[in-house]
Amino acid sequence: MKKDNVIQEKSFQFALKIIGLYKILIAQKEFIISKQLLRSATSIGANVQESTAAYSRKDFTHKLSISSKEARETKYWLMLLNESDLVEVDLKEYINDVDELIRILTAIVKSSQG
């Protein structure tokens, strides 16, 4: 993976981090929301990766828009887990990480549309 593509690297590292969190959540017997979280969080980077093969600016923007939506969904699941007391894990760091991804993706999408 190219180290000069910030969003590609950050989304990949975030996915790895969420996979680690998923293992912790499963160990704490949280199976439903953790699966939703895993799917949306890993989808962020998958769509970023797909955007690198976009055939047009519109396609590129569309893929990154999907990534942005997946990031927002991921934030929702993290906040739900954090506020529900279903698990005993401090999720603030994960929420901060996804907030950063949302900011970066929003900036890229806005600049690509203009």
N, C-alpha and C. Protein backbone atom coordinates (compact mmCIF):
# COMPACT_ATOMS: atom_id res chain seq x y z
N MET A 1 0.84 -1.18 0.00
CA MET A 1 0.00 0.00 0.00
C MET A 1 0.89 1.24 0.00
N LYS A 2 0.53 2.20 -0.82
CA LYS A 2 1.29 3.44 -0.89
C LYS A 2 1.21 4.19 0.42
N LYS A 3 2.34 4.66 0.88
CA LYS A 3 2.37 5.42 2.13
C LYS A 3 1.98 6.88 1.91
N ASP A 4 1.98 7.34 0.64
CA ASP A 4 1.67 8.74 0.38
C ASP A 4 0.17 9.00 0.23
N ASN A 5 -0.65 7.98 0.24
CA ASN A 5 -2.10 8.14 0.17
C ASN A 5 -2.64 8.08 1.60
N VAL A 6 -2.82 9.25 2.19
CA VAL A 6 -3.16 9.35 3.62
C VAL A 6 -4.47 8.64 3.94
N ILE A 7 -5.51 8.89 3.16
CA ILE A 7 -6.81 8.29 3.48
C ILE A 7 -6.77 6.78 3.28
N GLN A 8 -6.03 6.32 2.31
CA GLN A 8 -5.90 4.87 2.09
C GLN A 8 -5.21 4.23 3.30
N GLU A 9 -4.14 4.81 3.74
CA GLU A 9 -3.39 4.26 4.88
C GLU A 9 -4.20 4.34 6.18
N LYS A 10 -4.81 5.49 6.43
CA LYS A 10 -5.58 5.66 7.67
C LYS A 10 -6.81 4.75 7.72
N SER A 11 -7.48 4.59 6.59
CA SER A 11 -8.66 3.73 6.59
C SER A 11 -8.26 2.26 6.76
N PHE A 12 -7.12 1.87 6.19
CA PHE A 12 -6.63 0.50 6.35
C PHE A 12 -6.24 0.24 7.81
N GLN A 13 -5.51 1.16 8.41
CA GLN A 13 -5.09 1.00 9.81
C GLN A 13 -6.31 0.99 10.74
N PHE A 14 -7.30 1.82 10.43
CA PHE A 14 -8.52 1.84 11.22
C PHE A 14 -9.24 0.49 11.13
N ALA A 15 -9.30 -0.08 9.94
CA ALA A 15 -9.94 -1.39 9.78
C ALA A 15 -9.23 -2.45 10.62
N LEU A 16 -7.91 -2.43 10.61
CA LEU A 16 -7.16 -3.38 11.44
C LEU A 16 -7.47 -3.18 12.93
N LYS A 17 -7.55 -1.93 13.32
CA LYS A 17 -7.85 -1.60 14.72
C LYS A 17 -9.26 -2.11 15.10
N ILE A 18 -10.20 -1.95 14.19
CA ILE A 18 -11.57 -2.41 14.45
C ILE A 18 -11.63 -3.93 14.50
N ILE A 19 -10.84 -4.60 13.70
CA ILE A 19 -10.79 -6.06 13.77
C ILE A 19 -10.33 -6.49 15.17
N GLY A 20 -9.34 -5.80 15.71
CA GLY A 20 -8.91 -6.08 17.09
C GLY A 20 -10.01 -5.82 18.09
N LEU A 21 -10.73 -4.71 17.91
CA LEU A 21 -11.86 -4.40 18.79
C LEU A 21 -12.95 -5.46 18.67
N TYR A 22 -13.21 -5.90 17.45
CA TYR A 22 -14.22 -6.94 17.22
C TYR A 22 -13.91 -8.19 18.05
N LYS A 23 -12.65 -8.58 18.08
CA LYS A 23 -12.25 -9.75 18.87
C LYS A 23 -12.54 -9.53 20.36
N ILE A 24 -12.29 -8.33 20.84
CA ILE A 24 -12.58 -8.00 22.24
C ILE A 24 -14.09 -8.05 22.50
N LEU A 25 -14.87 -7.49 21.58
CA LEU A 25 -16.32 -7.48 21.75
C LEU A 25 -16.90 -8.88 21.75
N ILE A 26 -16.39 -9.73 20.87
CA ILE A 26 -16.85 -11.12 20.82
C ILE A 26 -16.50 -11.83 22.13
N ALA A 27 -15.32 -11.56 22.65
CA ALA A 27 -14.92 -12.17 23.92
C ALA A 27 -15.83 -11.74 25.06
N GLN A 28 -16.40 -10.53 24.92
CA GLN A 28 -17.34 -10.04 25.93
C GLN A 28 -18.80 -10.40 25.58
N LYS A 29 -18.94 -11.31 24.63
CA LYS A 29 -20.24 -11.86 24.24
C LYS A 29 -21.18 -10.83 23.61
N GLU A 30 -20.61 -9.89 22.87
CA GLU A 30 -21.42 -8.93 22.12
C GLU A 30 -21.29 -9.33 20.65
N PHE A 31 -22.35 -9.91 20.11
CA PHE A 31 -22.28 -10.50 18.77
C PHE A 31 -23.01 -9.70 17.69
N ILE A 32 -24.01 -8.94 18.04
CA ILE A 32 -24.86 -8.30 17.03
C ILE A 32 -24.28 -6.97 16.55
N ILE A 33 -24.14 -6.02 17.45
CA ILE A 33 -23.64 -4.70 17.07
C ILE A 33 -22.19 -4.81 16.60
N SER A 34 -21.43 -5.69 17.22
CA SER A 34 -20.03 -5.85 16.82
C SER A 34 -19.91 -6.28 15.36
N LYS A 35 -20.82 -7.11 14.89
CA LYS A 35 -20.80 -7.55 13.49
C LYS A 35 -21.13 -6.38 12.56
N GLN A 36 -22.10 -5.56 12.95
CA GLN A 36 -22.46 -4.38 12.16
C GLN A 36 -21.27 -3.42 12.10
N LEU A 37 -20.62 -3.24 13.25
CA LEU A 37 -19.46 -2.36 13.34
C LEU A 37 -18.33 -2.87 12.43
N LEU A 38 -18.07 -4.15 12.49
CA LEU A 38 -17.01 -4.73 11.66
C LEU A 38 -17.28 -4.51 10.18
N ARG A 39 -18.51 -4.72 9.77
CA ARG A 39 -18.87 -4.56 8.35
C ARG A 39 -18.72 -3.12 7.89
N SER A 40 -19.28 -2.19 8.65
CA SER A 40 -19.22 -0.79 8.21
C SER A 40 -17.79 -0.24 8.27
N ALA A 41 -17.05 -0.59 9.31
CA ALA A 41 -15.70 -0.06 9.47
C ALA A 41 -14.74 -0.57 8.41
N THR A 42 -14.85 -1.84 8.05
CA THR A 42 -13.96 -2.38 7.02
C THR A 42 -14.39 -1.92 5.62
N SER A 43 -15.63 -1.56 5.48
CA SER A 43 -16.13 -1.05 4.20
C SER A 43 -15.56 0.33 3.87
N ILE A 44 -15.20 1.09 4.88
CA ILE A 44 -14.61 2.42 4.64
C ILE A 44 -13.39 2.27 3.75
N GLY A 45 -12.44 1.47 4.18
CA GLY A 45 -11.21 1.28 3.43
C GLY A 45 -11.41 0.55 2.11
N ALA A 46 -12.37 -0.36 2.07
CA ALA A 46 -12.64 -1.09 0.83
C ALA A 46 -13.09 -0.12 -0.27
N ASN A 47 -13.94 0.82 0.09
CA ASN A 47 -14.40 1.80 -0.89
C ASN A 47 -13.32 2.82 -1.24
N VAL A 48 -12.48 3.16 -0.28
CA VAL A 48 -11.33 4.02 -0.58
C VAL A 48 -10.44 3.31 -1.60
N GLN A 49 -10.19 2.04 -1.37
CA GLN A 49 -9.36 1.24 -2.29
C GLN A 49 -9.99 1.21 -3.68
N GLU A 50 -11.29 0.99 -3.74
CA GLU A 50 -11.98 0.97 -5.04
C GLU A 50 -11.86 2.32 -5.75
N SER A 51 -11.86 3.40 -4.99
CA SER A 51 -11.78 4.74 -5.60
C SER A 51 -10.48 4.94 -6.37
N THR A 52 -9.45 4.19 -6.03
CA THR A 52 -8.17 4.35 -6.72
C THR A 52 -8.23 3.82 -8.15
N ALA A 53 -9.26 3.04 -8.46
CA ALA A 53 -9.43 2.52 -9.81
C ALA A 53 -10.63 3.17 -10.51
N ALA A 54 -11.04 4.31 -10.01
CA ALA A 54 -12.20 5.00 -10.59
C ALA A 54 -11.93 5.36 -12.05
N TYR A 55 -12.97 5.26 -12.87
CA TYR A 55 -12.83 5.56 -14.29
C TYR A 55 -13.17 7.02 -14.62
N SER A 56 -13.66 7.76 -13.63
CA SER A 56 -13.97 9.18 -13.84
C SER A 56 -13.96 9.89 -12.49
N ARG A 57 -13.96 11.20 -12.53
CA ARG A 57 -14.03 11.98 -11.29
C ARG A 57 -15.34 11.70 -10.56
N LYS A 58 -16.41 11.54 -11.31
CA LYS A 58 -17.72 11.25 -10.71
C LYS A 58 -17.69 9.90 -9.98
N ASP A 59 -17.08 8.90 -10.60
CA ASP A 59 -16.96 7.57 -9.99
C ASP A 59 -16.09 7.64 -8.73
N PHE A 60 -14.99 8.37 -8.81
CA PHE A 60 -14.10 8.58 -7.67
C PHE A 60 -14.86 9.20 -6.50
N THR A 61 -15.58 10.27 -6.80
CA THR A 61 -16.35 10.97 -5.76
C THR A 61 -17.43 10.06 -5.17
N HIS A 62 -18.07 9.28 -6.03
CA HIS A 62 -19.11 8.36 -5.57
C HIS A 62 -18.55 7.33 -4.58
N LYS A 63 -17.41 6.73 -4.92
CA LYS A 63 -16.79 5.72 -4.03
C LYS A 63 -16.42 6.34 -2.68
N LEU A 64 -15.85 7.54 -2.72
CA LEU A 64 -15.46 8.18 -1.46
C LEU A 64 -16.68 8.66 -0.68
N SER A 65 -17.76 8.98 -1.37
CA SER A 65 -19.02 9.32 -0.68
C SER A 65 -19.55 8.12 0.08
N ILE A 66 -19.44 6.95 -0.54
CA ILE A 66 -19.85 5.72 0.14
C ILE A 66 -18.97 5.50 1.37
N SER A 67 -17.67 5.71 1.23
CA SER A 67 -16.76 5.58 2.37
C SER A 67 -17.17 6.50 3.50
N SER A 68 -17.52 7.73 3.15
CA SER A 68 -17.95 8.71 4.15
C SER A 68 -19.21 8.24 4.88
N LYS A 69 -20.16 7.69 4.12
CA LYS A 69 -21.39 7.18 4.73
C LYS A 69 -21.10 6.00 5.65
N GLU A 70 -20.21 5.12 5.22
CA GLU A 70 -19.83 3.98 6.05
C GLU A 70 -19.13 4.44 7.32
N ALA A 71 -18.33 5.49 7.21
CA ALA A 71 -17.65 6.04 8.39
C ALA A 71 -18.67 6.59 9.38
N ARG A 72 -19.68 7.26 8.87
CA ARG A 72 -20.73 7.80 9.74
C ARG A 72 -21.53 6.68 10.40
N GLU A 73 -21.79 5.61 9.65
CA GLU A 73 -22.47 4.45 10.24
C GLU A 73 -21.59 3.83 11.33
N THR A 74 -20.31 3.73 11.06
CA THR A 74 -19.37 3.18 12.03
C THR A 74 -19.40 4.00 13.32
N LYS A 75 -19.41 5.32 13.16
CA LYS A 75 -19.48 6.18 14.34
C LYS A 75 -20.75 5.91 15.14
N TYR A 76 -21.86 5.70 14.45
CA TYR A 76 -23.12 5.40 15.12
C TYR A 76 -23.00 4.14 15.97
N TRP A 77 -22.46 3.06 15.40
CA TRP A 77 -22.33 1.81 16.14
C TRP A 77 -21.39 1.97 17.34
N LEU A 78 -20.30 2.72 17.14
CA LEU A 78 -19.37 2.95 18.25
C LEU A 78 -20.04 3.74 19.38
N MET A 79 -20.79 4.77 19.01
CA MET A 79 -21.48 5.57 20.02
C MET A 79 -22.54 4.75 20.74
N LEU A 80 -23.24 3.91 20.00
CA LEU A 80 -24.26 3.05 20.60
C LEU A 80 -23.64 2.08 21.60
N LEU A 81 -22.54 1.47 21.21
CA LEU A 81 -21.84 0.57 22.14
C LEU A 81 -21.33 1.34 23.35
N ASN A 82 -20.81 2.53 23.12
CA ASN A 82 -20.24 3.34 24.19
C ASN A 82 -21.30 3.74 25.22
N GLU A 83 -22.47 4.11 24.73
CA GLU A 83 -23.53 4.61 25.62
C GLU A 83 -24.40 3.51 26.22
N SER A 84 -24.38 2.32 25.64
CA SER A 84 -25.30 1.26 26.06
C SER A 84 -24.80 0.43 27.24
N ASP A 85 -23.52 0.51 27.51
CA ASP A 85 -22.92 -0.31 28.57
C ASP A 85 -23.05 -1.81 28.30
N LEU A 86 -23.13 -2.18 27.02
CA LEU A 86 -23.16 -3.61 26.67
C LEU A 86 -21.80 -4.27 26.88
N VAL A 87 -20.74 -3.47 26.74
CA VAL A 87 -19.39 -3.99 26.88
C VAL A 87 -18.57 -3.06 27.77
N GLU A 88 -17.47 -3.59 28.26
CA GLU A 88 -16.58 -2.80 29.09
C GLU A 88 -15.31 -2.48 28.31
N VAL A 89 -15.45 -1.55 27.37
CA VAL A 89 -14.34 -1.13 26.54
C VAL A 89 -14.44 0.39 26.39
N ASP A 90 -13.32 1.06 26.53
CA ASP A 90 -13.29 2.51 26.30
C ASP A 90 -13.20 2.74 24.80
N LEU A 91 -14.22 3.33 24.23
CA LEU A 91 -14.29 3.48 22.78
C LEU A 91 -13.97 4.89 22.29
N LYS A 92 -13.57 5.77 23.19
CA LYS A 92 -13.29 7.16 22.80
C LYS A 92 -12.24 7.26 21.70
N GLU A 93 -11.19 6.48 21.79
CA GLU A 93 -10.12 6.51 20.80
C GLU A 93 -10.65 6.11 19.41
N TYR A 94 -11.50 5.10 19.37
CA TYR A 94 -12.07 4.65 18.10
C TYR A 94 -12.99 5.72 17.51
N ILE A 95 -13.76 6.37 18.38
CA ILE A 95 -14.65 7.45 17.93
C ILE A 95 -13.83 8.62 17.40
N ASN A 96 -12.74 8.95 18.07
CA ASN A 96 -11.86 10.02 17.57
C ASN A 96 -11.26 9.65 16.22
N ASP A 97 -10.85 8.40 16.07
CA ASP A 97 -10.27 7.93 14.81
C ASP A 97 -11.28 8.04 13.66
N VAL A 98 -12.52 7.61 13.91
CA VAL A 98 -13.51 7.66 12.84
C VAL A 98 -13.91 9.09 12.54
N ASP A 99 -13.91 9.96 13.55
CA ASP A 99 -14.17 11.38 13.31
C ASP A 99 -13.12 11.97 12.37
N GLU A 100 -11.86 11.57 12.55
CA GLU A 100 -10.79 12.04 11.68
C GLU A 100 -11.02 11.55 10.25
N LEU A 101 -11.39 10.29 10.09
CA LEU A 101 -11.68 9.75 8.76
C LEU A 101 -12.83 10.50 8.11
N ILE A 102 -13.87 10.79 8.88
CA ILE A 102 -15.02 11.53 8.35
C ILE A 102 -14.58 12.91 7.86
N ARG A 103 -13.75 13.60 8.64
CA ARG A 103 -13.27 14.94 8.23
C ARG A 103 -12.46 14.87 6.94
N ILE A 104 -11.57 13.90 6.85
CA ILE A 104 -10.73 13.76 5.65
C ILE A 104 -11.59 13.42 4.43
N LEU A 105 -12.46 12.45 4.58
CA LEU A 105 -13.31 12.03 3.46
C LEU A 105 -14.23 13.16 3.00
N THR A 106 -14.78 13.90 3.94
CA THR A 106 -15.65 15.03 3.60
C THR A 106 -14.88 16.07 2.80
N ALA A 107 -13.67 16.36 3.24
CA ALA A 107 -12.84 17.35 2.53
C ALA A 107 -12.50 16.87 1.11
N ILE A 108 -12.17 15.59 0.97
CA ILE A 108 -11.84 15.07 -0.36
C ILE A 108 -13.06 15.11 -1.28
N VAL A 109 -14.21 14.68 -0.77
CA VAL A 109 -15.43 14.67 -1.58
C VAL A 109 -15.79 16.09 -2.00
N LYS A 110 -15.74 17.03 -1.07
CA LYS A 110 -16.09 18.42 -1.40
C LYS A 110 -15.13 18.99 -2.44
N SER A 111 -13.84 18.74 -2.30
CA SER A 111 -12.88 19.28 -3.27
C SER A 111 -12.98 18.59 -4.62
N SER A 112 -13.43 17.34 -4.65
CA SER A 112 -13.57 16.61 -5.90
C SER A 112 -14.80 17.04 -6.68
N GLN A 113 -15.78 17.56 -5.97
CA GLN A 113 -17.02 18.00 -6.61
C GLN A 113 -16.87 19.38 -7.24
N GLY A 114 -15.92 20.16 -6.75
CA GLY A 114 -15.79 21.54 -7.19
C GLY A 114 -14.95 21.74 -8.34
